[in-house]
Amino acid sequence: MGRNVTWRSFALLWAVLQFALPSVALLADVRLERDSVQAPGAHIEFGSTRACRPVHADECALCQVLSRAAPPAEATSLPDIAAVVRPSSTQPIAGFASRAVTTAELPRAPPAIA
């Protein structure tokens, strides 16, 4: 009996989470969207004041990791585009096949029983 009660309690908890978590995620998304709409956007101007939001933070963790882990790469020479891309055909496109030709190539249905 104790095993059955435990299983039912777990199933009930799981069902409650199935219904509750999408609503919680929706409310969190609404809150983030509201905060992003109300926040002043980043902008670039000739002059800057303390009220301006920076375009890119100086303490960006991704930039710090990339600048320390990857040394600057030397510029590679790109191949000539004309050598890479093959020219298109100058011949005209063949005409479309008639319906009689296309239907002749389709498989036949079984014979009708009379």
C-alpha atoms as a PDB file:
ATOM      1  CA  MET A   1       0.000   0.000   0.000  1.00  0.00           C
ATOM      2  CA  GLY A   2       2.863   2.403   0.797  1.00  0.00           C
ATOM      3  CA  ARG A   3       4.340   1.910  -2.646  1.00  0.00           C
ATOM      4  CA  ASN A   4       1.029   2.730  -4.316  1.00  0.00           C
ATOM      5  CA  VAL A   5       0.628   5.954  -2.290  1.00  0.00           C
ATOM      6  CA  THR A   6       4.154   7.018  -3.177  1.00  0.00           C
ATOM      7  CA  TRP A   7       3.538   6.401  -6.853  1.00  0.00           C
ATOM      8  CA  ARG A   8       0.241   8.306  -6.803  1.00  0.00           C
ATOM      9  CA  SER A   9       1.850  11.220  -4.957  1.00  0.00           C
ATOM     10  CA  PHE A  10       4.641  11.364  -7.519  1.00  0.00           C
ATOM     11  CA  ALA A  11       2.137  11.182 -10.392  1.00  0.00           C
ATOM     12  CA  LEU A  12       0.058  13.981  -8.858  1.00  0.00           C
ATOM     13  CA  LEU A  13       3.137  16.157  -8.368  1.00  0.00           C
ATOM     14  CA  TRP A  14       4.201  15.477 -11.961  1.00  0.00           C
ATOM     15  CA  ALA A  15       0.719  16.409 -13.264  1.00  0.00           C
ATOM     16  CA  VAL A  16       0.711  19.649 -11.269  1.00  0.00           C
ATOM     17  CA  LEU A  17       4.141  20.544 -12.652  1.00  0.00           C
ATOM     18  CA  GLN A  18       2.971  19.771 -16.197  1.00  0.00           C
ATOM     19  CA  PHE A  19       0.198  22.339 -15.818  1.00  0.00           C
ATOM     20  CA  ALA A  20       2.033  24.929 -13.713  1.00  0.00           C
ATOM     21  CA  LEU A  21       5.463  25.223 -15.363  1.00  0.00           C
ATOM     22  CA  PRO A  22       4.265  26.496 -18.781  1.00  0.00           C
ATOM     23  CA  SER A  23       2.341  29.263 -17.008  1.00  0.00           C
ATOM     24  CA  VAL A  24       5.380  30.180 -14.925  1.00  0.00           C
ATOM     25  CA  ALA A  25       7.541  30.269 -18.065  1.00  0.00           C
ATOM     26  CA  LEU A  26       4.950  32.453 -19.800  1.00  0.00           C
ATOM     27  CA  LEU A  27       4.894  34.922 -16.916  1.00  0.00           C
ATOM     28  CA  ALA A  28       8.698  35.056 -16.811  1.00  0.00           C
ATOM     29  CA  ASP A  29       8.797  35.715 -20.553  1.00  0.00           C
ATOM     30  CA  VAL A  30       6.193  38.483 -20.218  1.00  0.00           C
ATOM     31  CA  ARG A  31       8.203  40.095 -17.434  1.00  0.00           C
ATOM     32  CA  LEU A  32      11.444  39.985 -19.454  1.00  0.00           C
ATOM     33  CA  GLU A  33       9.692  41.398 -22.510  1.00  0.00           C
ATOM     34  CA  ARG A  34       8.141  44.211 -20.455  1.00  0.00           C
ATOM     35  CA  ASP A  35      11.513  45.091 -18.934  1.00  0.00           C
ATOM     36  CA  SER A  36      13.217  45.112 -22.328  1.00  0.00           C
ATOM     37  CA  VAL A  37      10.569  47.390 -23.826  1.00  0.00           C
ATOM     38  CA  GLN A  38      10.838  49.877 -20.960  1.00  0.00           C
ATOM     39  CA  ALA A  39      14.655  49.889 -20.929  1.00  0.00           C
ATOM     40  CA  PRO A  40      16.397  52.471 -23.079  1.00  0.00           C
ATOM     41  CA  GLY A  41      17.992  50.895 -26.115  1.00  0.00           C
ATOM     42  CA  ALA A  42      21.643  51.039 -27.004  1.00  0.00           C
ATOM     43  CA  HIS A  43      22.510  53.737 -29.481  1.00  0.00           C
ATOM     44  CA  ILE A  44      25.584  55.193 -31.077  1.00  0.00           C
ATOM     45  CA  GLU A  45      26.128  58.912 -31.122  1.00  0.00           C
ATOM     46  CA  PHE A  46      28.984  61.316 -31.642  1.00  0.00           C
ATOM     47  CA  GLY A  47      28.877  62.304 -28.001  1.00  0.00           C
ATOM     48  CA  SER A  48      28.030  60.231 -24.954  1.00  0.00           C
ATOM     49  CA  THR A  49      26.607  60.944 -21.522  1.00  0.00           C
ATOM     50  CA  ARG A  50      26.306  58.892 -18.349  1.00  0.00           C
ATOM     51  CA  ALA A  51      22.635  58.188 -19.186  1.00  0.00           C
ATOM     52  CA  CYS A  52      23.577  56.402 -22.403  1.00  0.00           C
ATOM     53  CA  ARG A  53      23.565  52.626 -22.269  1.00  0.00           C
ATOM     54  CA  PRO A  54      26.816  51.150 -23.597  1.00  0.00           C
ATOM     55  CA  VAL A  55      26.617  49.388 -26.944  1.00  0.00           C
ATOM     56  CA  HIS A  56      28.873  46.600 -25.689  1.00  0.00           C
ATOM     57  CA  ALA A  57      30.005  46.181 -22.116  1.00  0.00           C
ATOM     58  CA  ASP A  58      33.754  46.277 -21.444  1.00  0.00           C
ATOM     59  CA  GLU A  59      33.477  43.354 -19.059  1.00  0.00           C
ATOM     60  CA  CYS A  60      31.809  41.034 -21.586  1.00  0.00           C
ATOM     61  CA  ALA A  61      32.743  37.494 -20.507  1.00  0.00           C
ATOM     62  CA  LEU A  62      32.547  36.067 -24.016  1.00  0.00           C
ATOM     63  CA  CYS A  63      34.929  38.666 -25.427  1.00  0.00           C
ATOM     64  CA  GLN A  64      37.381  38.127 -22.567  1.00  0.00           C
ATOM     65  CA  VAL A  65      37.413  34.351 -23.106  1.00  0.00           C
ATOM     66  CA  LEU A  66      37.830  34.697 -26.863  1.00  0.00           C
ATOM     67  CA  SER A  67      40.596  37.260 -26.602  1.00  0.00           C
ATOM     68  CA  ARG A  68      42.563  35.095 -24.169  1.00  0.00           C
ATOM     69  CA  ALA A  69      41.938  31.672 -25.708  1.00  0.00           C
ATOM     70  CA  ALA A  70      42.274  32.396 -29.409  1.00  0.00           C
ATOM     71  CA  PRO A  71      45.274  34.276 -30.740  1.00  0.00           C
ATOM     72  CA  PRO A  72      44.506  36.674 -33.570  1.00  0.00           C
ATOM     73  CA  ALA A  73      44.438  34.792 -36.844  1.00  0.00           C
ATOM     74  CA  GLU A  74      46.285  35.988 -39.860  1.00  0.00           C
ATOM     75  CA  ALA A  75      44.203  37.010 -42.819  1.00  0.00           C
ATOM     76  CA  THR A  76      43.730  34.202 -45.303  1.00  0.00           C
ATOM     77  CA  SER A  77      43.624  34.845 -48.988  1.00  0.00           C
ATOM     78  CA  LEU A  78      40.294  34.010 -50.541  1.00  0.00           C
ATOM     79  CA  PRO A  79      40.134  32.135 -53.855  1.00  0.00           C
ATOM     80  CA  ASP A  80      39.149  33.930 -57.004  1.00  0.00           C
ATOM     81  CA  ILE A  81      35.377  33.623 -57.318  1.00  0.00           C
ATOM     82  CA  ALA A  82      35.544  32.960 -61.059  1.00  0.00           C
ATOM     83  CA  ALA A  83      37.712  29.909 -60.436  1.00  0.00           C
ATOM     84  CA  VAL A  84      35.333  28.492 -57.828  1.00  0.00           C
ATOM     85  CA  VAL A  85      31.971  29.042 -59.517  1.00  0.00           C
ATOM     86  CA  ARG A  86      31.334  27.070 -62.683  1.00  0.00           C
ATOM     87  CA  PRO A  87      29.677  28.927 -65.545  1.00  0.00           C
ATOM     88  CA  SER A  88      26.025  28.299 -66.263  1.00  0.00           C
ATOM     89  CA  SER A  89      24.899  26.461 -69.357  1.00  0.00           C
ATOM     90  CA  THR A  90      24.286  28.561 -72.453  1.00  0.00           C
ATOM     91  CA  GLN A  91      21.940  25.995 -74.005  1.00  0.00           C
ATOM     92  CA  PRO A  92      18.202  26.624 -73.712  1.00  0.00           C
ATOM     93  CA  ILE A  93      16.150  24.599 -71.273  1.00  0.00           C
ATOM     94  CA  ALA A  94      14.415  21.618 -72.854  1.00  0.00           C
ATOM     95  CA  GLY A  95      10.660  21.974 -73.351  1.00  0.00           C
ATOM     96  CA  PHE A  96       8.219  20.395 -70.959  1.00  0.00           C
ATOM     97  CA  ALA A  97       6.960  16.912 -71.766  1.00  0.00           C
ATOM     98  CA  SER A  98       3.374  16.508 -72.861  1.00  0.00           C
ATOM     99  CA  ARG A  99       0.792  14.876 -70.611  1.00  0.00           C
ATOM    100  CA  ALA A 100       0.683  11.760 -72.803  1.00  0.00           C
ATOM    101  CA  VAL A 101       4.372  11.102 -72.251  1.00  0.00           C
ATOM    102  CA  THR A 102       4.192  11.590 -68.482  1.00  0.00           C
ATOM    103  CA  THR A 103       1.117   9.394 -68.039  1.00  0.00           C
ATOM    104  CA  ALA A 104       2.671   6.589 -70.074  1.00  0.00           C
ATOM    105  CA  GLU A 105       5.529   6.365 -67.575  1.00  0.00           C
ATOM    106  CA  LEU A 106       3.288   6.037 -64.511  1.00  0.00           C
ATOM    107  CA  PRO A 107       2.563   2.543 -63.160  1.00  0.00           C
ATOM    108  CA  ARG A 108      -0.694   0.931 -64.196  1.00  0.00           C
ATOM    109  CA  ALA A 109      -3.572   0.183 -61.872  1.00  0.00           C
ATOM    110  CA  PRO A 110      -4.791  -3.393 -61.510  1.00  0.00           C
ATOM    111  CA  PRO A 111      -7.337  -4.441 -64.126  1.00  0.00           C
ATOM    112  CA  ALA A 112     -10.967  -3.788 -63.323  1.00  0.00           C
ATOM    113  CA  ILE A 113     -13.031  -6.810 -62.316  1.00  0.00           C
ATOM    114  CA  ALA A 114     -16.119  -7.065 -64.450  1.00  0.00           C
END
